[in-house]
Protein backbone atom coordinates (compact mmCIF):
# COMPACT_ATOMS: atom_id res chain seq x y z
CA UNK A 1 -3.69 9.60 -70.69
CA UNK A 2 -5.51 11.55 -73.74
CA UNK A 3 -9.13 13.43 -72.60
CA UNK A 4 -7.69 13.58 -69.19
CA UNK A 5 -8.38 17.30 -67.36
CA UNK A 6 -5.55 18.80 -66.42
CA UNK A 7 -6.40 20.70 -63.07
CA UNK A 8 -3.37 23.35 -62.12
CA UNK A 9 -4.16 23.80 -58.33
CA UNK A 10 -3.97 19.90 -58.19
CA UNK A 11 -1.04 19.83 -60.26
CA UNK A 12 0.27 22.41 -58.18
CA UNK A 13 -0.01 20.83 -54.69
CA UNK A 14 1.49 17.80 -55.98
CA UNK A 15 4.36 19.10 -57.14
CA UNK A 16 4.27 22.00 -53.89
CA UNK A 17 4.50 24.67 -56.63
CA UNK A 18 2.38 28.37 -57.24
CA UNK A 19 0.36 28.07 -60.41
CA UNK A 20 2.90 30.56 -62.71
CA UNK A 21 5.10 27.96 -63.47
CA UNK A 22 2.13 24.90 -63.80
CA UNK A 23 0.79 27.74 -66.10
CA UNK A 24 3.74 27.32 -67.91
CA UNK A 25 4.55 24.28 -68.15
CA UNK A 26 1.19 23.62 -69.57
CA UNK A 27 1.38 26.74 -72.64
CA UNK A 28 4.83 25.02 -73.37
CA UNK A 29 2.53 21.92 -73.73
CA UNK A 30 -0.17 23.79 -75.63
CA UNK A 31 2.63 24.87 -78.01
CA UNK A 32 3.98 21.36 -78.81
CA UNK A 33 0.45 20.29 -79.61
CA UNK A 34 0.37 18.01 -76.22
CA UNK A 35 -2.48 19.60 -74.48
CA UNK A 36 -6.18 21.42 -76.37
CA UNK A 37 -8.12 23.58 -74.26
CA UNK A 38 -11.67 22.49 -74.07
CA UNK A 39 -14.37 25.37 -73.59
CA UNK A 40 -15.77 25.33 -70.24
CA UNK A 41 -13.57 22.51 -69.41
CA UNK A 42 -9.98 24.02 -69.74
CA UNK A 43 -6.46 21.71 -70.47
CA UNK A 44 -7.04 18.35 -71.59
CA UNK A 45 -4.35 15.73 -72.67
CA UNK A 46 -4.67 15.12 -76.61
CA UNK A 47 -5.03 11.66 -77.93
CA UNK A 48 -3.88 10.00 -80.61
CA UNK A 49 -4.86 11.70 -83.97
CA UNK A 50 -4.96 7.97 -86.11
CA UNK A 51 -5.71 9.71 -89.28
CA UNK A 52 -3.14 12.53 -89.21
CA UNK A 53 -0.15 10.17 -87.76
CA UNK A 54 -0.73 7.92 -91.08
CA UNK A 55 -1.47 10.51 -93.56
CA UNK A 56 2.24 11.86 -92.25
CA UNK A 57 3.47 8.74 -92.99
CA UNK A 58 2.79 8.13 -96.34
CA UNK A 59 3.59 11.52 -97.51
CA UNK A 60 7.35 10.75 -95.49
CA UNK A 61 6.90 7.41 -97.20
CA UNK A 62 7.23 9.70 -100.59
CA UNK A 63 9.89 12.39 -99.06
CA UNK A 64 12.24 9.64 -97.37
CA UNK A 65 12.56 7.53 -100.87
CA UNK A 66 13.11 10.28 -102.63
CA UNK A 67 15.93 11.88 -100.27
CA UNK A 68 17.41 8.02 -99.92
CA UNK A 69 17.92 7.97 -103.70
CA UNK A 70 19.14 11.56 -104.11
CA UNK A 71 21.03 10.86 -101.57
CA UNK A 72 22.46 7.48 -103.11
CA UNK A 73 25.55 8.71 -105.57
CA UNK A 74 27.05 10.74 -102.98
CA UNK A 75 27.09 8.03 -100.15
CA UNK A 76 31.27 7.07 -99.83
CA UNK A 77 32.25 3.94 -97.96
CA UNK A 78 32.66 5.71 -95.09
CA UNK A 79 29.05 6.77 -95.00
CA UNK A 80 28.25 3.16 -95.41
CA UNK A 81 30.32 2.32 -92.62
CA UNK A 82 28.87 4.67 -90.51
CA UNK A 83 25.20 3.37 -91.78
CA UNK A 84 26.49 0.04 -90.69
CA UNK A 85 27.57 1.15 -87.16
CA UNK A 86 24.49 3.02 -86.51
CA UNK A 87 22.19 0.17 -87.73
CA UNK A 88 24.40 -2.66 -85.37
CA UNK A 89 24.12 -0.93 -82.59
CA UNK A 90 20.03 -0.41 -82.99
CA UNK A 91 20.29 -4.48 -82.81
CA UNK A 92 22.17 -4.21 -79.74
CA UNK A 93 19.59 -1.98 -77.93
CA UNK A 94 16.72 -4.02 -79.28
CA UNK A 95 18.62 -7.20 -77.54
CA UNK A 96 18.50 -5.09 -74.30
CA UNK A 97 14.81 -3.40 -75.13
CA UNK A 98 16.22 0.05 -74.58
CA UNK A 99 13.42 1.81 -76.34
CA UNK A 100 14.28 5.70 -76.70
CA UNK A 101 17.93 4.80 -77.93
CA UNK A 102 16.44 2.53 -80.71
CA UNK A 103 14.15 5.61 -81.56
CA UNK A 104 17.10 7.83 -81.65
CA UNK A 105 19.10 5.55 -83.47
CA UNK A 106 16.61 4.85 -86.08
CA UNK A 107 16.71 8.53 -86.59
CA UNK A 108 20.06 9.10 -87.17
CA UNK A 109 20.33 6.51 -89.99
CA UNK A 110 17.62 8.16 -91.72
CA UNK A 111 19.05 11.50 -91.49
CA UNK A 112 22.77 10.81 -92.00
CA UNK A 113 21.71 9.03 -95.07
CA UNK A 114 19.93 12.76 -95.72
CA UNK A 115 23.10 14.41 -94.63
CA UNK A 116 23.91 13.82 -98.44
CA UNK A 117 21.43 14.92 -100.07
CA UNK A 118 21.41 17.90 -102.56
CA UNK A 119 17.99 19.32 -101.95
CA UNK A 120 17.67 20.78 -98.90
CA UNK A 121 14.30 22.45 -98.83
CA UNK A 122 13.28 18.67 -99.79
CA UNK A 123 14.93 17.45 -95.83
CA UNK A 124 13.49 20.63 -93.95
CA UNK A 125 10.24 18.88 -95.18
CA UNK A 126 11.36 15.43 -94.12
CA UNK A 127 12.14 17.70 -90.82
CA UNK A 128 8.93 18.92 -90.35
CA UNK A 129 7.15 15.63 -90.87
CA UNK A 130 9.29 14.27 -88.18
CA UNK A 131 8.74 16.92 -85.83
CA UNK A 132 4.73 16.44 -86.70
CA UNK A 133 5.42 12.32 -85.92
CA UNK A 134 7.00 12.92 -82.65
CA UNK A 135 4.11 15.40 -80.98
CA UNK A 136 1.79 11.64 -81.79
CA UNK A 137 4.51 9.77 -80.31
CA UNK A 138 4.19 11.90 -76.85
CA UNK A 139 1.03 11.37 -76.58
CA UNK A 140 1.35 7.48 -76.33
CA UNK A 141 2.40 6.07 -79.73
CA UNK A 142 6.48 5.08 -79.83
CA UNK A 143 7.33 1.70 -80.82
CA UNK A 144 5.89 -1.26 -82.34
CA UNK A 145 8.08 -4.25 -80.88
CA UNK A 146 7.16 -6.74 -83.55
CA UNK A 147 7.83 -4.62 -85.99
CA UNK A 148 11.64 -3.15 -84.91
CA UNK A 149 13.43 -6.51 -85.67
CA UNK A 150 12.50 -6.10 -89.41
CA UNK A 151 13.18 -2.91 -89.67
CA UNK A 152 16.54 -3.12 -88.80
CA UNK A 153 16.98 -5.61 -91.71
CA UNK A 154 15.35 -3.28 -93.81
CA UNK A 155 18.14 -0.78 -92.65
CA UNK A 156 20.46 -3.81 -93.96
CA UNK A 157 19.26 -4.07 -97.32
CA UNK A 158 18.99 -0.41 -97.65
CA UNK A 159 23.01 -0.02 -97.14
CA UNK A 160 23.33 -3.08 -99.26
CA UNK A 161 21.14 -1.20 -102.08
CA UNK A 162 23.40 1.77 -101.22
CA UNK A 163 26.90 0.19 -101.06
CA UNK A 164 25.44 -1.91 -104.62
CA UNK A 165 24.89 1.02 -106.36
CA UNK A 166 21.72 -0.16 -107.26
CA UNK A 167 19.19 2.35 -109.48
CA UNK A 168 17.41 5.18 -107.90
CA UNK A 169 14.09 3.80 -108.86
CA UNK A 170 15.09 0.36 -107.07
CA UNK A 171 16.77 2.72 -103.77
CA UNK A 172 13.66 4.97 -104.20
CA UNK A 173 11.11 1.96 -103.95
CA UNK A 174 12.62 -0.14 -101.50
CA UNK A 175 13.05 2.88 -98.48
CA UNK A 176 9.61 4.03 -99.53
CA UNK A 177 8.16 0.70 -98.63
CA UNK A 178 10.36 0.70 -95.70
CA UNK A 179 8.17 3.80 -94.16
CA UNK A 180 5.39 2.29 -95.20
CA UNK A 181 5.54 -1.01 -93.54
CA UNK A 182 5.68 1.12 -90.66
CA UNK A 183 2.36 2.62 -91.48
CA UNK A 184 1.47 -1.25 -91.33
CA UNK A 185 2.57 -2.08 -88.22
CA UNK A 186 0.74 1.19 -86.91
CA UNK A 187 -2.80 0.35 -88.44
CA UNK A 188 -1.91 -3.60 -86.75
CA UNK A 189 -0.57 -2.22 -83.45
CA UNK A 190 -3.58 -3.83 -81.69
CA UNK A 191 -2.44 -7.23 -82.69
CA UNK A 192 0.92 -7.00 -81.05
CA UNK A 193 -0.76 -6.59 -77.17
């Protein structure tokens, strides 16, 4: 839980271990930015930084829109079929409420598109941004149930745009808005509870 103090002695006792592996695990969590050290307190669980999350989504919206537009001319019919299959699997997992699988397939969907992008630096930046978002997701935010069906439908539209050879501007704009819709879902996440 965000703000919770991590007590090495207590954890070592609970897992019937010495302090050394617990300290190593805490250092690993710190390197993944899941905990932080507070003076005179010790290790505590980090909370979600809403501002950083929203800023990252805004930047990703721009980068992913552009990357999708750059990828579009290179995606062939077998690529379109693969995207369709990934999106159909997302829909199946939504029916079974398999949240982790949906998240994995969402990433696979977008990164499959980017595998066609000729700008490697752009893709490197997108990957770094996704990793930043992963840190936030691991601290408590993972999924907006009401957003997912809309996201799957938006994926269908992206596939259709790619299949219809829509203009780069149309593809970029739609994909950017797809990511910004996730930002809006984040802003209104408490409405889903």
